[in-house]
PDB file of all heavy atoms in Angstrom:
ATOM      1  N   GLY A   1       0.756  -1.175  -0.014  1.00  0.00           N
ATOM      2  CA  GLY A   1      -0.084   0.043   0.009  1.00  0.00           C
ATOM      3  C   GLY A   1       0.906   1.206   0.004  1.00  0.00           C
ATOM      4  O   GLY A   1       2.066   1.178  -0.221  1.00  0.00           O
ATOM      5  N   GLY A   2       0.279   2.344   0.271  1.00  0.00           N
ATOM      6  CA  GLY A   2       0.881   3.632   0.283  1.00  0.00           C
ATOM      7  C   GLY A   2      -0.117   4.713  -0.053  1.00  0.00           C
ATOM      8  O   GLY A   2      -1.343   4.559   0.062  1.00  0.00           O
ATOM      9  N   GLY A   3       0.413   5.780  -0.499  1.00  0.00           N
ATOM     10  CA  GLY A   3      -0.439   6.937  -0.914  1.00  0.00           C
ATOM     11  C   GLY A   3      -1.348   6.505  -2.120  1.00  0.00           C
ATOM     12  O   GLY A   3      -0.897   5.669  -2.817  1.00  0.00           O
ATOM     13  N   SER A   4      -2.462   7.083  -2.210  1.00  0.00           N
ATOM     14  CA  SER A   4      -3.420   6.840  -3.391  1.00  0.00           C
ATOM     15  C   SER A   4      -2.926   7.864  -4.516  1.00  0.00           C
ATOM     16  O   SER A   4      -2.039   8.606  -4.315  1.00  0.00           O
ATOM     17  CB  SER A   4      -4.939   7.205  -2.995  1.00  0.00           C
ATOM     18  OG  SER A   4      -5.211   6.352  -1.970  1.00  0.00           O
ATOM     19  N   GLY A   5      -3.476   7.521  -5.667  1.00  0.00           N
ATOM     20  CA  GLY A   5      -2.992   8.243  -6.893  1.00  0.00           C
ATOM     21  C   GLY A   5      -2.155   7.466  -7.834  1.00  0.00           C
ATOM     22  O   GLY A   5      -1.689   7.911  -8.861  1.00  0.00           O
ATOM     23  N   HIS A   6      -1.796   6.314  -7.342  1.00  0.00           N
ATOM     24  CA  HIS A   6      -0.956   5.332  -8.235  1.00  0.00           C
ATOM     25  C   HIS A   6      -1.822   4.222  -8.957  1.00  0.00           C
ATOM     26  O   HIS A   6      -1.181   3.261  -9.315  1.00  0.00           O
ATOM     27  CB  HIS A   6       0.189   4.810  -7.362  1.00  0.00           C
ATOM     28  CG  HIS A   6       0.921   5.711  -6.706  1.00  0.00           C
ATOM     29  ND1 HIS A   6       1.641   6.806  -7.283  1.00  0.00           N
ATOM     30  CD2 HIS A   6       1.284   5.978  -5.356  1.00  0.00           C
ATOM     31  CE1 HIS A   6       2.281   7.480  -6.488  1.00  0.00           C
ATOM     32  NE2 HIS A   6       2.060   7.055  -5.260  1.00  0.00           N
ATOM     33  N   GLU A   7      -3.053   4.400  -8.919  1.00  0.00           N
ATOM     34  CA  GLU A   7      -4.033   3.220  -9.296  1.00  0.00           C
ATOM     35  C   GLU A   7      -3.704   2.960 -10.774  1.00  0.00           C
ATOM     36  O   GLU A   7      -3.278   3.688 -11.553  1.00  0.00           O
ATOM     37  CB  GLU A   7      -5.403   3.679  -9.288  1.00  0.00           C
ATOM     38  CG  GLU A   7      -5.998   3.853  -7.831  1.00  0.00           C
ATOM     39  CD  GLU A   7      -5.285   5.078  -7.098  1.00  0.00           C
ATOM     40  OE1 GLU A   7      -4.916   6.098  -7.730  1.00  0.00           O
ATOM     41  OE2 GLU A   7      -5.240   5.034  -5.866  1.00  0.00           O
ATOM     42  N   PRO A   8      -3.805   1.409 -10.865  1.00  0.00           N
ATOM     43  CA  PRO A   8      -4.261   0.376 -10.083  1.00  0.00           C
ATOM     44  C   PRO A   8      -3.477  -0.049  -8.906  1.00  0.00           C
ATOM     45  O   PRO A   8      -4.018  -0.642  -8.031  1.00  0.00           O
ATOM     46  CB  PRO A   8      -4.584  -0.793 -11.069  1.00  0.00           C
ATOM     47  CG  PRO A   8      -3.603  -0.572 -12.124  1.00  0.00           C
ATOM     48  CD  PRO A   8      -3.351   0.902 -12.291  1.00  0.00           C
ATOM     49  N   ALA A   9      -2.220   0.376  -8.859  1.00  0.00           N
ATOM     50  CA  ALA A   9      -1.487   0.120  -7.687  1.00  0.00           C
ATOM     51  C   ALA A   9      -2.157   0.974  -6.461  1.00  0.00           C
ATOM     52  O   ALA A   9      -2.370   2.130  -6.751  1.00  0.00           O
ATOM     53  CB  ALA A   9      -0.071   0.356  -7.782  1.00  0.00           C
ATOM     54  N   HIS A  10      -2.448   0.251  -5.404  1.00  0.00           N
ATOM     55  CA  HIS A  10      -2.065  -1.012  -4.901  1.00  0.00           C
ATOM     56  C   HIS A  10      -3.305  -1.882  -4.902  1.00  0.00           C
ATOM     57  O   HIS A  10      -3.216  -3.063  -4.915  1.00  0.00           O
ATOM     58  CB  HIS A  10      -1.313  -0.993  -3.618  1.00  0.00           C
ATOM     59  CG  HIS A  10      -0.018  -0.177  -3.622  1.00  0.00           C
ATOM     60  ND1 HIS A  10      -0.168   1.209  -3.495  1.00  0.00           N
ATOM     61  CD2 HIS A  10       1.263  -0.435  -3.926  1.00  0.00           C
ATOM     62  CE1 HIS A  10       1.317   1.625  -3.660  1.00  0.00           C
ATOM     63  NE2 HIS A  10       1.986   0.696  -3.848  1.00  0.00           N
ATOM     64  N   ALA A  11      -4.378  -1.170  -4.520  1.00  0.00           N
ATOM     65  CA  ALA A  11      -5.661  -1.914  -4.294  1.00  0.00           C
ATOM     66  C   ALA A  11      -6.068  -2.625  -5.548  1.00  0.00           C
ATOM     67  O   ALA A  11      -6.707  -3.767  -5.384  1.00  0.00           O
ATOM     68  CB  ALA A  11      -6.604  -0.987  -3.888  1.00  0.00           C
ATOM     69  N   GLY A  12      -5.846  -2.307  -6.746  1.00  0.00           N
ATOM     70  CA  GLY A  12      -6.160  -2.994  -7.869  1.00  0.00           C
ATOM     71  C   GLY A  12      -5.451  -4.265  -8.132  1.00  0.00           C
ATOM     72  O   GLY A  12      -5.828  -5.043  -8.982  1.00  0.00           O
ATOM     73  N   PHE A  13      -4.467  -4.509  -7.260  1.00  0.00           N
ATOM     74  CA  PHE A  13      -3.718  -5.804  -7.432  1.00  0.00           C
ATOM     75  C   PHE A  13      -4.006  -6.786  -6.241  1.00  0.00           C
ATOM     76  O   PHE A  13      -3.151  -7.644  -5.891  1.00  0.00           O
ATOM     77  CB  PHE A  13      -2.168  -5.548  -7.517  1.00  0.00           C
ATOM     78  CG  PHE A  13      -1.744  -4.694  -8.651  1.00  0.00           C
ATOM     79  CD1 PHE A  13      -0.928  -3.708  -8.588  1.00  0.00           C
ATOM     80  CD2 PHE A  13      -2.404  -4.909  -9.871  1.00  0.00           C
ATOM     81  CE1 PHE A  13      -0.585  -2.950  -9.633  1.00  0.00           C
ATOM     82  CE2 PHE A  13      -2.087  -4.242 -11.008  1.00  0.00           C
ATOM     83  CZ  PHE A  13      -1.164  -3.160 -10.909  1.00  0.00           C
ATOM     84  N   VAL A  14      -5.034  -6.589  -5.538  1.00  0.00           N
ATOM     85  CA  VAL A  14      -5.404  -7.467  -4.428  1.00  0.00           C
ATOM     86  C   VAL A  14      -6.287  -8.683  -5.275  1.00  0.00           C
ATOM     87  O   VAL A  14      -7.116  -8.390  -5.928  1.00  0.00           O
ATOM     88  CB  VAL A  14      -6.447  -6.807  -3.413  1.00  0.00           C
ATOM     89  CG1 VAL A  14      -7.001  -7.821  -2.549  1.00  0.00           C
ATOM     90  CG2 VAL A  14      -5.712  -5.747  -2.682  1.00  0.00           C
ATOM     91  N   GLY A  15      -5.850  -9.906  -4.803  1.00  0.00           N
ATOM     92  CA  GLY A  15      -6.440 -11.042  -5.489  1.00  0.00           C
ATOM     93  C   GLY A  15      -5.520 -12.187  -5.342  1.00  0.00           C
ATOM     94  O   GLY A  15      -4.324 -12.190  -4.946  1.00  0.00           O
ATOM     95  N   PRO A  16      -6.058 -13.509  -5.652  1.00  0.00           N
ATOM     96  CA  PRO A  16      -5.228 -14.697  -5.557  1.00  0.00           C
ATOM     97  C   PRO A  16      -3.971 -14.474  -6.299  1.00  0.00           C
ATOM     98  O   PRO A  16      -3.849 -14.192  -7.466  1.00  0.00           O
ATOM     99  CB  PRO A  16      -6.088 -15.716  -6.129  1.00  0.00           C
ATOM    100  CG  PRO A  16      -7.495 -15.205  -5.908  1.00  0.00           C
ATOM    101  CD  PRO A  16      -7.344 -13.690  -6.036  1.00  0.00           C
ATOM    102  N   GLY A  17      -2.747 -14.897  -5.806  1.00  0.00           N
ATOM    103  CA  GLY A  17      -1.569 -14.973  -6.529  1.00  0.00           C
ATOM    104  C   GLY A  17      -0.906 -13.504  -6.435  1.00  0.00           C
ATOM    105  O   GLY A  17       0.315 -13.334  -6.951  1.00  0.00           O
ATOM    106  N   LEU A  18      -1.478 -12.590  -5.718  1.00  0.00           N
ATOM    107  CA  LEU A  18      -0.915 -11.229  -5.680  1.00  0.00           C
ATOM    108  C   LEU A  18      -1.062 -10.727  -4.183  1.00  0.00           C
ATOM    109  O   LEU A  18      -0.531 -11.462  -3.284  1.00  0.00           O
ATOM    110  CB  LEU A  18      -1.609 -10.330  -6.668  1.00  0.00           C
ATOM    111  CG  LEU A  18      -1.041 -10.321  -8.007  1.00  0.00           C
ATOM    112  CD1 LEU A  18      -2.028  -9.537  -8.982  1.00  0.00           C
ATOM    113  CD2 LEU A  18       0.280  -9.668  -8.145  1.00  0.00           C
ATOM    114  N   LEU A  19      -1.561  -9.692  -3.940  1.00  0.00           N
ATOM    115  CA  LEU A  19      -1.832  -9.017  -2.683  1.00  0.00           C
ATOM    116  C   LEU A  19      -2.940  -9.691  -1.947  1.00  0.00           C
ATOM    117  O   LEU A  19      -3.990  -9.954  -2.519  1.00  0.00           O
ATOM    118  CB  LEU A  19      -1.874  -7.673  -2.670  1.00  0.00           C
ATOM    119  CG  LEU A  19      -0.791  -6.817  -3.353  1.00  0.00           C
ATOM    120  CD1 LEU A  19      -1.166  -5.341  -3.235  1.00  0.00           C
ATOM    121  CD2 LEU A  19       0.586  -7.207  -2.578  1.00  0.00           C
ATOM    122  N   SER A  20      -2.803  -9.883  -0.643  1.00  0.00           N
ATOM    123  CA  SER A  20      -3.938 -10.173   0.253  1.00  0.00           C
ATOM    124  C   SER A  20      -4.766  -8.983   0.685  1.00  0.00           C
ATOM    125  O   SER A  20      -5.949  -8.997   0.862  1.00  0.00           O
ATOM    126  CB  SER A  20      -3.452 -10.943   1.585  1.00  0.00           C
ATOM    127  OG  SER A  20      -2.624 -11.943   1.187  1.00  0.00           O
ATOM    128  N   ALA A  21      -4.122  -7.913   0.872  1.00  0.00           N
ATOM    129  CA  ALA A  21      -4.747  -6.652   1.282  1.00  0.00           C
ATOM    130  C   ALA A  21      -3.827  -5.436   0.917  1.00  0.00           C
ATOM    131  O   ALA A  21      -2.664  -5.660   0.620  1.00  0.00           O
ATOM    132  CB  ALA A  21      -4.983  -6.564   2.740  1.00  0.00           C
ATOM    133  N   ALA A  22      -4.446  -4.340   0.536  1.00  0.00           N
ATOM    134  CA  ALA A  22      -3.825  -2.982   0.263  1.00  0.00           C
ATOM    135  C   ALA A  22      -4.359  -1.981   1.090  1.00  0.00           C
ATOM    136  O   ALA A  22      -5.554  -1.847   1.348  1.00  0.00           O
ATOM    137  CB  ALA A  22      -4.003  -2.706  -1.191  1.00  0.00           C
ATOM    138  N   VAL A  23      -3.407  -1.244   1.642  1.00  0.00           N
ATOM    139  CA  VAL A  23      -3.806  -0.036   2.557  1.00  0.00           C
ATOM    140  C   VAL A  23      -3.466   1.213   1.946  1.00  0.00           C
ATOM    141  O   VAL A  23      -2.579   1.526   1.385  1.00  0.00           O
ATOM    142  CB  VAL A  23      -2.804  -0.090   3.772  1.00  0.00           C
ATOM    143  CG1 VAL A  23      -3.368   0.893   4.880  1.00  0.00           C
ATOM    144  CG2 VAL A  23      -2.863  -1.510   4.394  1.00  0.00           C
ATOM    145  N   CYS A  24      -4.758   1.949   1.743  1.00  0.00           N
ATOM    146  CA  CYS A  24      -4.637   3.340   0.972  1.00  0.00           C
ATOM    147  C   CYS A  24      -4.583   4.366   1.834  1.00  0.00           C
ATOM    148  O   CYS A  24      -5.541   4.720   2.618  1.00  0.00           O
ATOM    149  CB  CYS A  24      -5.939   3.259   0.161  1.00  0.00           C
ATOM    150  SG  CYS A  24      -6.270   1.745  -0.797  1.00  0.00           S
ATOM    151  N   GLY A  25      -3.556   5.281   1.516  1.00  0.00           N
ATOM    152  CA  GLY A  25      -3.447   6.608   2.272  1.00  0.00           C
ATOM    153  C   GLY A  25      -4.180   7.659   1.449  1.00  0.00           C
ATOM    154  O   GLY A  25      -4.742   7.303   0.369  1.00  0.00           O
ATOM    155  N   ASP A  26      -4.068   8.915   1.900  1.00  0.00           N
ATOM    156  CA  ASP A  26      -4.552   9.993   1.150  1.00  0.00           C
ATOM    157  C   ASP A  26      -3.645  10.092  -0.200  1.00  0.00           C
ATOM    158  O   ASP A  26      -2.698   9.359  -0.337  1.00  0.00           O
ATOM    159  CB  ASP A  26      -4.428  11.282   1.920  1.00  0.00           C
ATOM    160  CG  ASP A  26      -5.627  11.384   2.897  1.00  0.00           C
ATOM    161  OD1 ASP A  26      -6.740  10.832   2.610  1.00  0.00           O
ATOM    162  OD2 ASP A  26      -5.406  11.963   4.049  1.00  0.00           O
ATOM    163  N   VAL A  27      -4.044  11.034  -1.176  1.00  0.00           N
ATOM    164  CA  VAL A  27      -3.335  11.163  -2.324  1.00  0.00           C
ATOM    165  C   VAL A  27      -1.832  11.512  -2.014  1.00  0.00           C
ATOM    166  O   VAL A  27      -1.493  12.427  -1.347  1.00  0.00           O
ATOM    167  CB  VAL A  27      -3.972  12.191  -3.293  1.00  0.00           C
ATOM    168  CG1 VAL A  27      -2.989  12.370  -4.558  1.00  0.00           C
ATOM    169  CG2 VAL A  27      -5.286  11.702  -3.697  1.00  0.00           C
ATOM    170  N   PHE A  28      -0.992  10.578  -2.489  1.00  0.00           N
ATOM    171  CA  PHE A  28       0.526  10.700  -2.364  1.00  0.00           C
ATOM    172  C   PHE A  28       0.895  10.829  -0.865  1.00  0.00           C
ATOM    173  O   PHE A  28       1.929  11.316  -0.578  1.00  0.00           O
ATOM    174  CB  PHE A  28       1.014  11.978  -3.095  1.00  0.00           C
ATOM    175  CG  PHE A  28       0.810  11.868  -4.533  1.00  0.00           C
ATOM    176  CD1 PHE A  28       1.065  12.920  -5.400  1.00  0.00           C
ATOM    177  CD2 PHE A  28       0.503  10.686  -5.125  1.00  0.00           C
ATOM    178  CE1 PHE A  28       1.047  12.848  -6.824  1.00  0.00           C
ATOM    179  CE2 PHE A  28       0.480  10.534  -6.532  1.00  0.00           C
ATOM    180  CZ  PHE A  28       0.651  11.616  -7.408  1.00  0.00           C
ATOM    181  N   ALA A  29       0.220  10.287   0.060  1.00  0.00           N
ATOM    182  CA  ALA A  29       0.432  10.363   1.571  1.00  0.00           C
ATOM    183  C   ALA A  29       0.365   8.973   2.115  1.00  0.00           C
ATOM    184  O   ALA A  29      -0.623   8.173   1.843  1.00  0.00           O
ATOM    185  CB  ALA A  29      -0.377  11.202   2.203  1.00  0.00           C
ATOM    186  N   SER A  30       1.415   8.584   2.872  1.00  0.00           N
ATOM    187  CA  SER A  30       1.286   7.283   3.557  1.00  0.00           C
ATOM    188  C   SER A  30       0.121   7.072   4.381  1.00  0.00           C
ATOM    189  O   SER A  30      -0.400   7.915   5.109  1.00  0.00           O
ATOM    190  CB  SER A  30       2.626   7.073   4.290  1.00  0.00           C
ATOM    191  OG  SER A  30       2.700   5.749   4.923  1.00  0.00           O
ATOM    192  N   PRO A  31      -0.373   5.800   4.415  1.00  0.00           N
ATOM    193  CA  PRO A  31      -1.489   5.495   5.327  1.00  0.00           C
ATOM    194  C   PRO A  31      -1.021   5.651   6.657  1.00  0.00           C
ATOM    195  O   PRO A  31       0.130   5.451   7.005  1.00  0.00           O
ATOM    196  CB  PRO A  31      -1.979   4.145   4.880  1.00  0.00           C
ATOM    197  CG  PRO A  31      -0.862   3.637   4.277  1.00  0.00           C
ATOM    198  CD  PRO A  31      -0.056   4.657   3.547  1.00  0.00           C
ATOM    199  N   SER A  32      -1.922   5.749   7.690  1.00  0.00           N
ATOM    200  CA  SER A  32      -1.532   5.800   9.148  1.00  0.00           C
ATOM    201  C   SER A  32      -1.090   4.428   9.664  1.00  0.00           C
ATOM    202  O   SER A  32      -1.355   3.437   9.076  1.00  0.00           O
ATOM    203  CB  SER A  32      -2.744   6.305   9.877  1.00  0.00           C
ATOM    204  OG  SER A  32      -3.759   5.376   9.936  1.00  0.00           O
ATOM    205  N   VAL A  33      -0.385   4.454  10.844  1.00  0.00           N
ATOM    206  CA  VAL A  33       0.054   3.294  11.420  1.00  0.00           C
ATOM    207  C   VAL A  33      -1.364   2.453  11.735  1.00  0.00           C
ATOM    208  O   VAL A  33      -1.281   1.140  11.632  1.00  0.00           O
ATOM    209  CB  VAL A  33       0.712   3.680  12.821  1.00  0.00           C
ATOM    210  CG1 VAL A  33       1.050   2.328  13.568  1.00  0.00           C
ATOM    211  CG2 VAL A  33       1.950   4.343  12.462  1.00  0.00           C
ATOM    212  N   ASP A  34      -2.289   3.169  12.288  1.00  0.00           N
ATOM    213  CA  ASP A  34      -3.607   2.246  12.559  1.00  0.00           C
ATOM    214  C   ASP A  34      -4.071   1.642  11.410  1.00  0.00           C
ATOM    215  O   ASP A  34      -4.584   0.483  11.520  1.00  0.00           O
ATOM    216  CB  ASP A  34      -4.561   3.225  13.220  1.00  0.00           C
ATOM    217  CG  ASP A  34      -4.342   3.578  14.603  1.00  0.00           C
ATOM    218  OD1 ASP A  34      -3.434   2.980  15.263  1.00  0.00           O
ATOM    219  OD2 ASP A  34      -4.861   4.429  15.219  1.00  0.00           O
ATOM    220  N   ALA A  35      -4.112   2.351  10.157  1.00  0.00           N
ATOM    221  CA  ALA A  35      -4.597   1.756   9.033  1.00  0.00           C
ATOM    222  C   ALA A  35      -3.886   0.478   8.650  1.00  0.00           C
ATOM    223  O   ALA A  35      -4.394  -0.526   8.253  1.00  0.00           O
ATOM    224  CB  ALA A  35      -4.799   2.792   7.894  1.00  0.00           C
ATOM    225  N   VAL A  36      -2.524   0.496   8.609  1.00  0.00           N
ATOM    226  CA  VAL A  36      -1.708  -0.545   8.307  1.00  0.00           C
ATOM    227  C   VAL A  36      -1.927  -1.665   9.292  1.00  0.00           C
ATOM    228  O   VAL A  36      -2.014  -2.802   8.887  1.00  0.00           O
ATOM    229  CB  VAL A  36      -0.200  -0.066   8.329  1.00  0.00           C
ATOM    230  CG1 VAL A  36       0.793  -1.284   7.825  1.00  0.00           C
ATOM    231  CG2 VAL A  36       0.029   1.067   7.160  1.00  0.00           C
ATOM    232  N   LEU A  37      -1.985  -1.362  10.587  1.00  0.00           N
ATOM    233  CA  LEU A  37      -2.162  -2.332  11.640  1.00  0.00           C
ATOM    234  C   LEU A  37      -3.587  -3.115  11.358  1.00  0.00           C
ATOM    235  O   LEU A  37      -3.581  -4.321  11.412  1.00  0.00           O
ATOM    236  CB  LEU A  37      -2.072  -1.866  12.888  1.00  0.00           C
ATOM    237  CG  LEU A  37      -2.249  -2.829  14.104  1.00  0.00           C
ATOM    238  CD1 LEU A  37      -1.203  -3.849  14.093  1.00  0.00           C
ATOM    239  CD2 LEU A  37      -2.291  -2.146  15.438  1.00  0.00           C
ATOM    240  N   ALA A  38      -4.521  -2.306  11.012  1.00  0.00           N
ATOM    241  CA  ALA A  38      -5.778  -2.856  10.675  1.00  0.00           C
ATOM    242  C   ALA A  38      -5.759  -3.894   9.534  1.00  0.00           C
ATOM    243  O   ALA A  38      -6.420  -4.996   9.604  1.00  0.00           O
ATOM    244  CB  ALA A  38      -6.902  -1.683  10.416  1.00  0.00           C
TER     245      ALA A  38
END
């Protein structure tokens, strides 16, 4: 995951054989610690 604005990375690559989950921050901003832990 990471900042949004890079679509389809990262949430667009969630699925079998790729990511189990993607954590989306604000545009070009890292997601929070709580979001990653969740």
